[in-house]
Amino acid sequence: MGAKDALCKIANLAIGLPDTLAYYSVAELEAGFKKTMAFQPRVIKQNRGSSGEGIWIIKLKSGNYCKNFGDRSCSDDEVLELMEACDNHAETHTVAEFLEFCVNGRTAKSGKWDTIGTGKYLEGGKEAGGQLVDQRFCPRIVEGELRLNMIGDVCTGIIHKKPKAGGISAVGGTGSIYTFYAPDAPEFKQLTSTFLGKDIPSLMSNLELEGEPLPLWWTADFINADPGKPGTPCTIDKWIVGEFNCSC
């Protein structure tokens, strides 16, 4: 449940995004990423690690996105603007350099990287947890995300985590601001009632864990998926899960 490809298994639920993909091989990564990146900004998430390391928010420097998904694929020499969630630092690399870093880490082909990470996100294959998840970037992440603290099927509290000005990630230690709410906070009634009442009863089966109980202590991090510009009124009330964390 805590693996990043859990997001693919809930893609067609109200709390998911249908264009969420998982890559387990080099061929899948190269073909899939070049196609999704040509269409819209993306978030690429490694399965291993914690605190945002290996989670990249990526945009085309040129802004040359195609109108329809699949109209084109990125070339190796197109330039990417990346921000890593662990510390909000920015890097610039070509598509080829990014893919090389994801597969083989720091090499002559991947160029110079400032991240503390080592790449090699597919190392060991699916059986060893080698995978990358590719999800649509939701621009309202800069307004903050919501963490629902859960014990079984009971929400015990809500945390609003807002990134530091100019940043995208609200990981602790990056200057983000945390605001704590009661589990029945009226501001988030639509989200909590839908998640607790409609999504949780079928969550484990959707995660291909039929018959297994919910974790004793876990969290779900939600991102506002309204497509509008940050700071403007929302036109839809849709929150999607960006990550599950399971303690026990």
C-alpha atoms as a PDB file:
ATOM      1  CA  MET A   1       0.000   0.000   0.000  1.00  0.00           C
ATOM      2  CA  GLY A   2       2.883   2.342   0.721  1.00  0.00           C
ATOM      3  CA  ALA A   3       4.521   1.629  -2.659  1.00  0.00           C
ATOM      4  CA  LYS A   4       4.208   4.446  -5.160  1.00  0.00           C
ATOM      5  CA  ASP A   5       2.466   2.273  -7.767  1.00  0.00           C
ATOM      6  CA  ALA A   6      -0.521   2.156  -5.414  1.00  0.00           C
ATOM      7  CA  LEU A   7      -1.417   5.438  -7.133  1.00  0.00           C
ATOM      8  CA  CYS A   8      -1.929   3.533 -10.390  1.00  0.00           C
ATOM      9  CA  LYS A   9      -4.306   1.105  -8.714  1.00  0.00           C
ATOM     10  CA  ILE A  10      -6.575   3.932  -7.533  1.00  0.00           C
ATOM     11  CA  ALA A  11      -6.289   5.891 -10.778  1.00  0.00           C
ATOM     12  CA  ASN A  12      -9.942   5.375 -11.693  1.00  0.00           C
ATOM     13  CA  LEU A  13     -11.338   6.176  -8.243  1.00  0.00           C
ATOM     14  CA  ALA A  14     -12.496   9.677  -7.293  1.00  0.00           C
ATOM     15  CA  ILE A  15      -9.228  10.084  -5.343  1.00  0.00           C
ATOM     16  CA  GLY A  16      -7.033   9.200  -8.326  1.00  0.00           C
ATOM     17  CA  LEU A  17      -5.921  10.556 -11.693  1.00  0.00           C
ATOM     18  CA  PRO A  18      -6.585   8.354 -14.752  1.00  0.00           C
ATOM     19  CA  ASP A  19      -3.302   9.368 -16.429  1.00  0.00           C
ATOM     20  CA  THR A  20      -1.115   7.874 -13.680  1.00  0.00           C
ATOM     21  CA  LEU A  21       1.459   5.418 -15.028  1.00  0.00           C
ATOM     22  CA  ALA A  22       4.051   3.075 -13.537  1.00  0.00           C
ATOM     23  CA  TYR A  23       7.368   2.207 -15.172  1.00  0.00           C
ATOM     24  CA  TYR A  24       9.254  -0.963 -14.282  1.00  0.00           C
ATOM     25  CA  SER A  25      11.586  -1.231 -17.283  1.00  0.00           C
ATOM     26  CA  VAL A  26      13.822   1.085 -19.270  1.00  0.00           C
ATOM     27  CA  ALA A  27      11.677   0.675 -22.380  1.00  0.00           C
ATOM     28  CA  GLU A  28       8.486   1.584 -20.496  1.00  0.00           C
ATOM     29  CA  LEU A  29      10.145   4.618 -18.945  1.00  0.00           C
ATOM     30  CA  GLU A  30      11.574   6.001 -22.176  1.00  0.00           C
ATOM     31  CA  ALA A  31       8.403   5.558 -24.237  1.00  0.00           C
ATOM     32  CA  GLY A  32       5.952   6.598 -21.538  1.00  0.00           C
ATOM     33  CA  PHE A  33       7.808   9.584 -20.119  1.00  0.00           C
ATOM     34  CA  LYS A  34       8.591  11.108 -23.517  1.00  0.00           C
ATOM     35  CA  LYS A  35       4.893  10.945 -24.397  1.00  0.00           C
ATOM     36  CA  THR A  36       3.476  12.284 -21.095  1.00  0.00           C
ATOM     37  CA  MET A  37       6.130  14.998 -20.813  1.00  0.00           C
ATOM     38  CA  ALA A  38       5.286  16.286 -24.295  1.00  0.00           C
ATOM     39  CA  PHE A  39       1.674  16.746 -23.200  1.00  0.00           C
ATOM     40  CA  GLN A  40       1.817  18.452 -19.792  1.00  0.00           C
ATOM     41  CA  PRO A  41       3.992  19.065 -16.695  1.00  0.00           C
ATOM     42  CA  ARG A  42       4.560  15.887 -14.717  1.00  0.00           C
ATOM     43  CA  VAL A  43       5.606  14.554 -11.323  1.00  0.00           C
ATOM     44  CA  ILE A  44       7.969  11.567 -11.410  1.00  0.00           C
ATOM     45  CA  LYS A  45       8.202   9.623  -8.156  1.00  0.00           C
ATOM     46  CA  GLN A  46      10.688   6.960  -7.199  1.00  0.00           C
ATOM     47  CA  ASN A  47       9.463   4.104  -5.034  1.00  0.00           C
ATOM     48  CA  ARG A  48      12.365   4.099  -2.600  1.00  0.00           C
ATOM     49  CA  GLY A  49      13.484   6.774  -0.167  1.00  0.00           C
ATOM     50  CA  SER A  50      11.538   9.244   1.928  1.00  0.00           C
ATOM     51  CA  SER A  51      11.032  12.957   2.582  1.00  0.00           C
ATOM     52  CA  GLY A  52      10.691  13.802  -1.091  1.00  0.00           C
ATOM     53  CA  GLU A  53      14.059  12.539  -2.324  1.00  0.00           C
ATOM     54  CA  GLY A  54      13.672  11.271  -5.878  1.00  0.00           C
ATOM     55  CA  ILE A  55      10.337  13.013  -6.430  1.00  0.00           C
ATOM     56  CA  TRP A  56      10.712  15.414  -9.344  1.00  0.00           C
ATOM     57  CA  ILE A  57       8.317  18.129 -10.546  1.00  0.00           C
ATOM     58  CA  ILE A  58       9.165  18.539 -14.230  1.00  0.00           C
ATOM     59  CA  LYS A  59       8.270  21.084 -16.894  1.00  0.00           C
ATOM     60  CA  LEU A  60       9.418  21.666 -20.463  1.00  0.00           C
ATOM     61  CA  LYS A  61      11.614  24.760 -20.556  1.00  0.00           C
ATOM     62  CA  SER A  62      10.172  25.651 -23.958  1.00  0.00           C
ATOM     63  CA  GLY A  63       6.567  25.196 -22.846  1.00  0.00           C
ATOM     64  CA  ASN A  64       6.003  23.354 -26.142  1.00  0.00           C
ATOM     65  CA  TYR A  65       3.233  21.031 -24.975  1.00  0.00           C
ATOM     66  CA  CYS A  66       1.083  19.262 -27.549  1.00  0.00           C
ATOM     67  CA  LYS A  67      -2.681  19.806 -27.633  1.00  0.00           C
ATOM     68  CA  ASN A  68      -3.670  16.157 -27.327  1.00  0.00           C
ATOM     69  CA  PHE A  69      -1.998  13.301 -25.471  1.00  0.00           C
ATOM     70  CA  GLY A  70       0.014  11.239 -27.922  1.00  0.00           C
ATOM     71  CA  ASP A  71       0.291  13.923 -30.607  1.00  0.00           C
ATOM     72  CA  ARG A  72       4.054  13.841 -30.156  1.00  0.00           C
ATOM     73  CA  SER A  73       6.862  12.552 -27.933  1.00  0.00           C
ATOM     74  CA  CYS A  74       9.775  14.547 -26.553  1.00  0.00           C
ATOM     75  CA  SER A  75      13.155  14.336 -28.262  1.00  0.00           C
ATOM     76  CA  ASP A  76      16.287  13.505 -26.296  1.00  0.00           C
ATOM     77  CA  ASP A  77      17.640  17.054 -26.567  1.00  0.00           C
ATOM     78  CA  GLU A  78      14.576  18.894 -25.216  1.00  0.00           C
ATOM     79  CA  VAL A  79      15.382  20.764 -22.005  1.00  0.00           C
ATOM     80  CA  LEU A  80      13.597  20.032 -18.730  1.00  0.00           C
ATOM     81  CA  GLU A  81      13.237  22.262 -15.684  1.00  0.00           C
ATOM     82  CA  LEU A  82      13.152  20.090 -12.563  1.00  0.00           C
ATOM     83  CA  MET A  83      12.477  20.725  -8.884  1.00  0.00           C
ATOM     84  CA  GLU A  84      13.084  18.020  -6.269  1.00  0.00           C
ATOM     85  CA  ALA A  85      10.536  17.705  -3.481  1.00  0.00           C
ATOM     86  CA  CYS A  86      13.035  16.992  -0.701  1.00  0.00           C
ATOM     87  CA  ASP A  87      14.440  20.532  -0.642  1.00  0.00           C
ATOM     88  CA  ASN A  88      12.835  22.435  -3.550  1.00  0.00           C
ATOM     89  CA  HIS A  89      16.165  22.825  -5.344  1.00  0.00           C
ATOM     90  CA  ALA A  90      16.036  23.327  -9.119  1.00  0.00           C
ATOM     91  CA  GLU A  91      18.026  21.638 -11.869  1.00  0.00           C
ATOM     92  CA  THR A  92      18.065  21.820 -15.670  1.00  0.00           C
ATOM     93  CA  HIS A  93      18.736  18.772 -17.812  1.00  0.00           C
ATOM     94  CA  THR A  94      17.893  17.351 -21.200  1.00  0.00           C
ATOM     95  CA  VAL A  95      15.407  14.517 -21.534  1.00  0.00           C
ATOM     96  CA  ALA A  96      18.280  12.140 -22.318  1.00  0.00           C
ATOM     97  CA  GLU A  97      20.221  13.197 -19.196  1.00  0.00           C
ATOM     98  CA  PHE A  98      17.185  12.761 -16.970  1.00  0.00           C
ATOM     99  CA  LEU A  99      16.425   9.284 -18.308  1.00  0.00           C
ATOM    100  CA  GLU A 100      20.082   8.272 -17.957  1.00  0.00           C
ATOM    101  CA  PHE A 101      20.104   9.425 -14.319  1.00  0.00           C
ATOM    102  CA  CYS A 102      16.884   7.529 -13.606  1.00  0.00           C
ATOM    103  CA  VAL A 103      18.323   4.314 -15.028  1.00  0.00           C
ATOM    104  CA  ASN A 104      22.092   4.420 -14.419  1.00  0.00           C
ATOM    105  CA  GLY A 105      22.641   7.267 -11.962  1.00  0.00           C
ATOM    106  CA  ARG A 106      25.607   9.610 -12.244  1.00  0.00           C
ATOM    107  CA  THR A 107      27.423   8.887 -15.495  1.00  0.00           C
ATOM    108  CA  ALA A 108      29.099  10.914 -18.236  1.00  0.00           C
ATOM    109  CA  LYS A 109      25.816  10.744 -20.161  1.00  0.00           C
ATOM    110  CA  SER A 110      23.653  12.044 -17.286  1.00  0.00           C
ATOM    111  CA  GLY A 111      25.698  15.213 -16.745  1.00  0.00           C
ATOM    112  CA  LYS A 112      26.249  17.026 -13.443  1.00  0.00           C
ATOM    113  CA  TRP A 113      23.512  16.678 -10.794  1.00  0.00           C
ATOM    114  CA  ASP A 114      23.140  18.699  -7.585  1.00  0.00           C
ATOM    115  CA  THR A 115      20.703  16.335  -5.866  1.00  0.00           C
ATOM    116  CA  ILE A 116      21.853  14.282  -2.902  1.00  0.00           C
ATOM    117  CA  GLY A 117      20.212  11.280  -4.551  1.00  0.00           C
ATOM    118  CA  THR A 118      21.958   8.700  -6.688  1.00  0.00           C
ATOM    119  CA  GLY A 119      19.268   7.918  -9.259  1.00  0.00           C
ATOM    120  CA  LYS A 120      19.096   4.295 -10.504  1.00  0.00           C
ATOM    121  CA  TYR A 121      15.408   4.239  -9.640  1.00  0.00           C
ATOM    122  CA  LEU A 122      14.671   1.022 -11.566  1.00  0.00           C
ATOM    123  CA  GLU A 123      17.566  -0.902 -10.031  1.00  0.00           C
ATOM    124  CA  GLY A 124      16.697  -4.460  -9.057  1.00  0.00           C
ATOM    125  CA  GLY A 125      13.506  -4.575 -11.066  1.00  0.00           C
ATOM    126  CA  LYS A 126       9.919  -4.706  -9.887  1.00  0.00           C
ATOM    127  CA  GLU A 127      10.568  -7.511  -7.404  1.00  0.00           C
ATOM    128  CA  ALA A 128      13.117  -5.348  -5.555  1.00  0.00           C
ATOM    129  CA  GLY A 129      10.945  -2.236  -5.597  1.00  0.00           C
ATOM    130  CA  GLY A 130      12.571  -0.675  -8.655  1.00  0.00           C
ATOM    131  CA  GLN A 131       9.903   1.505 -10.225  1.00  0.00           C
ATOM    132  CA  LEU A 132       8.885   5.043 -11.133  1.00  0.00           C
ATOM    133  CA  VAL A 133       5.401   6.515 -11.071  1.00  0.00           C
ATOM    134  CA  ASP A 134       4.436   9.252 -13.530  1.00  0.00           C
ATOM    135  CA  GLN A 135       1.554  11.491 -12.431  1.00  0.00           C
ATOM    136  CA  ARG A 136       0.049  14.732 -13.707  1.00  0.00           C
ATOM    137  CA  PHE A 137       1.336  17.878 -11.998  1.00  0.00           C
ATOM    138  CA  CYS A 138      -1.437  19.689 -10.124  1.00  0.00           C
ATOM    139  CA  PRO A 139      -0.530  23.406  -9.985  1.00  0.00           C
ATOM    140  CA  ARG A 140      -2.537  24.075  -6.813  1.00  0.00           C
ATOM    141  CA  ILE A 141       0.067  22.105  -4.858  1.00  0.00           C
ATOM    142  CA  VAL A 142       1.594  25.521  -4.109  1.00  0.00           C
ATOM    143  CA  GLU A 143      -1.532  26.267  -2.034  1.00  0.00           C
ATOM    144  CA  GLY A 144      -0.727  23.270   0.129  1.00  0.00           C
ATOM    145  CA  GLU A 145      -1.712  19.644   0.525  1.00  0.00           C
ATOM    146  CA  LEU A 146      -3.812  17.874   3.122  1.00  0.00           C
ATOM    147  CA  ARG A 147      -2.652  14.941   5.212  1.00  0.00           C
ATOM    148  CA  LEU A 148      -5.340  12.781   6.766  1.00  0.00           C
ATOM    149  CA  ASN A 149      -3.973  10.934   9.793  1.00  0.00           C
ATOM    150  CA  MET A 150      -5.711   7.573  10.017  1.00  0.00           C
ATOM    151  CA  ILE A 151      -6.079   4.759  12.534  1.00  0.00           C
ATOM    152  CA  GLY A 152      -7.812   1.985  10.657  1.00  0.00           C
ATOM    153  CA  ASP A 153     -10.837   3.570   9.036  1.00  0.00           C
ATOM    154  CA  VAL A 154     -10.991   6.486  11.495  1.00  0.00           C
ATOM    155  CA  CYS A 155      -9.553   9.904  10.699  1.00  0.00           C
ATOM    156  CA  THR A 156      -7.884  11.321  13.814  1.00  0.00           C
ATOM    157  CA  GLY A 157      -6.777  14.681  12.424  1.00  0.00           C
ATOM    158  CA  ILE A 158      -5.989  16.747   9.346  1.00  0.00           C
ATOM    159  CA  ILE A 159      -2.806  18.676   8.603  1.00  0.00           C
ATOM    160  CA  HIS A 160      -2.640  21.390   5.949  1.00  0.00           C
ATOM    161  CA  LYS A 161       0.942  21.568   4.683  1.00  0.00           C
ATOM    162  CA  LYS A 162       1.784  24.688   2.673  1.00  0.00           C
ATOM    163  CA  PRO A 163       5.133  24.998   0.875  1.00  0.00           C
ATOM    164  CA  LYS A 164       7.491  27.868   1.539  1.00  0.00           C
ATOM    165  CA  ALA A 165       6.942  30.768  -0.875  1.00  0.00           C
ATOM    166  CA  GLY A 166       8.538  29.883  -4.204  1.00  0.00           C
ATOM    167  CA  GLY A 167       8.605  26.180  -3.419  1.00  0.00           C
ATOM    168  CA  ILE A 168       6.362  23.311  -4.433  1.00  0.00           C
ATOM    169  CA  SER A 169       7.047  20.651  -1.822  1.00  0.00           C
ATOM    170  CA  ALA A 170       5.755  20.871   1.758  1.00  0.00           C
ATOM    171  CA  VAL A 171       8.145  18.261   3.146  1.00  0.00           C
ATOM    172  CA  GLY A 172       9.213  19.043   6.700  1.00  0.00           C
ATOM    173  CA  GLY A 173      12.425  21.025   7.013  1.00  0.00           C
ATOM    174  CA  THR A 174      11.912  23.032   3.817  1.00  0.00           C
ATOM    175  CA  GLY A 175      10.263  26.053   5.469  1.00  0.00           C
ATOM    176  CA  SER A 176       6.742  24.779   4.903  1.00  0.00           C
ATOM    177  CA  ILE A 177       3.890  25.871   7.195  1.00  0.00           C
ATOM    178  CA  TYR A 178       1.766  23.245   8.972  1.00  0.00           C
ATOM    179  CA  THR A 179      -1.756  24.003  10.215  1.00  0.00           C
ATOM    180  CA  PHE A 180      -3.638  21.407  12.250  1.00  0.00           C
ATOM    181  CA  TYR A 181      -7.379  20.750  12.035  1.00  0.00           C
ATOM    182  CA  ALA A 182      -9.853  18.466  13.787  1.00  0.00           C
ATOM    183  CA  PRO A 183     -10.976  15.416  11.777  1.00  0.00           C
ATOM    184  CA  ASP A 184     -14.444  16.920  11.313  1.00  0.00           C
ATOM    185  CA  ALA A 185     -13.217  20.360  10.179  1.00  0.00           C
ATOM    186  CA  PRO A 186     -16.002  21.896   8.068  1.00  0.00           C
ATOM    187  CA  GLU A 187     -13.495  23.272   5.532  1.00  0.00           C
ATOM    188  CA  PHE A 188     -12.779  19.731   4.366  1.00  0.00           C
ATOM    189  CA  LYS A 189     -16.144  18.054   4.941  1.00  0.00           C
ATOM    190  CA  GLN A 190     -16.648  17.131   1.274  1.00  0.00           C
ATOM    191  CA  LEU A 191     -13.260  15.437   1.061  1.00  0.00           C
ATOM    192  CA  THR A 192     -13.455  13.550   4.356  1.00  0.00           C
ATOM    193  CA  SER A 193     -17.049  12.373   3.895  1.00  0.00           C
ATOM    194  CA  THR A 194     -16.308  11.053   0.402  1.00  0.00           C
ATOM    195  CA  PHE A 195     -13.016   9.425   1.348  1.00  0.00           C
ATOM    196  CA  LEU A 196     -14.260   7.816   4.558  1.00  0.00           C
ATOM    197  CA  GLY A 197     -17.691   6.874   3.282  1.00  0.00           C
ATOM    198  CA  LYS A 198     -17.100   5.874  -0.336  1.00  0.00           C
ATOM    199  CA  ASP A 199     -13.413   5.243  -1.002  1.00  0.00           C
ATOM    200  CA  ILE A 200     -12.138   3.474   2.096  1.00  0.00           C
ATOM    201  CA  PRO A 201     -14.643   0.565   2.031  1.00  0.00           C
ATOM    202  CA  SER A 202     -13.219  -0.595  -1.331  1.00  0.00           C
ATOM    203  CA  LEU A 203      -9.680   0.735  -0.951  1.00  0.00           C
ATOM    204  CA  MET A 204      -7.903  -2.513  -0.088  1.00  0.00           C
ATOM    205  CA  SER A 205      -9.579  -4.434  -2.918  1.00  0.00           C
ATOM    206  CA  ASN A 206      -8.633  -1.696  -5.376  1.00  0.00           C
ATOM    207  CA  LEU A 207      -5.062  -1.967  -4.116  1.00  0.00           C
ATOM    208  CA  GLU A 208      -5.211  -5.705  -4.899  1.00  0.00           C
ATOM    209  CA  LEU A 209      -5.121  -6.480  -1.180  1.00  0.00           C
ATOM    210  CA  GLU A 210      -8.516  -8.145  -0.994  1.00  0.00           C
ATOM    211  CA  GLY A 211      -9.205  -9.565   2.461  1.00  0.00           C
ATOM    212  CA  GLU A 212      -6.410  -7.619   4.136  1.00  0.00           C
ATOM    213  CA  PRO A 213      -7.293  -5.101   6.875  1.00  0.00           C
ATOM    214  CA  LEU A 214      -6.504  -1.424   6.625  1.00  0.00           C
ATOM    215  CA  PRO A 215      -3.193  -0.504   8.270  1.00  0.00           C
ATOM    216  CA  LEU A 216      -3.405   0.307  11.962  1.00  0.00           C
ATOM    217  CA  TRP A 217      -1.619   3.657  11.573  1.00  0.00           C
ATOM    218  CA  TRP A 218      -1.377   5.333   8.176  1.00  0.00           C
ATOM    219  CA  THR A 219      -1.779   8.606   6.312  1.00  0.00           C
ATOM    220  CA  ALA A 220      -3.138   9.776   2.979  1.00  0.00           C
ATOM    221  CA  ASP A 221      -1.757  12.957   1.412  1.00  0.00           C
ATOM    222  CA  PHE A 222      -4.211  14.827  -0.818  1.00  0.00           C
ATOM    223  CA  ILE A 223      -3.570  17.450  -3.513  1.00  0.00           C
ATOM    224  CA  ASN A 224      -6.191  19.827  -4.875  1.00  0.00           C
ATOM    225  CA  ALA A 225      -6.731  18.732  -8.492  1.00  0.00           C
ATOM    226  CA  ASP A 226      -8.772  21.749  -9.576  1.00  0.00           C
ATOM    227  CA  PRO A 227      -7.135  22.853 -12.853  1.00  0.00           C
ATOM    228  CA  GLY A 228      -7.381  26.580 -12.170  1.00  0.00           C
ATOM    229  CA  LYS A 229      -4.530  28.967 -11.508  1.00  0.00           C
ATOM    230  CA  PRO A 230      -3.348  28.969  -7.872  1.00  0.00           C
ATOM    231  CA  GLY A 231      -5.011  31.698  -5.843  1.00  0.00           C
ATOM    232  CA  THR A 232      -8.175  31.756  -7.957  1.00  0.00           C
ATOM    233  CA  PRO A 233     -11.564  30.279  -6.910  1.00  0.00           C
ATOM    234  CA  CYS A 234     -11.928  26.540  -7.550  1.00  0.00           C
ATOM    235  CA  THR A 235     -14.434  25.373 -10.132  1.00  0.00           C
ATOM    236  CA  ILE A 236     -14.461  21.732  -8.974  1.00  0.00           C
ATOM    237  CA  ASP A 237     -14.003  20.063  -5.593  1.00  0.00           C
ATOM    238  CA  LYS A 238     -11.591  17.255  -6.390  1.00  0.00           C
ATOM    239  CA  TRP A 239      -8.737  16.099  -4.194  1.00  0.00           C
ATOM    240  CA  ILE A 240      -6.441  13.298  -5.327  1.00  0.00           C
ATOM    241  CA  VAL A 241      -4.042  11.130  -3.338  1.00  0.00           C
ATOM    242  CA  GLY A 242      -0.389  11.898  -3.967  1.00  0.00           C
ATOM    243  CA  GLU A 243       0.932   9.359  -1.481  1.00  0.00           C
ATOM    244  CA  PHE A 244       0.020   6.783   1.141  1.00  0.00           C
ATOM    245  CA  ASN A 245       2.292   6.260   4.155  1.00  0.00           C
ATOM    246  CA  CYS A 246       1.891   3.165   6.318  1.00  0.00           C
ATOM    247  CA  SER A 247       3.499   2.869   9.743  1.00  0.00           C
ATOM    248  CA  CYS A 248       2.049  -0.432  10.919  1.00  0.00           C
END
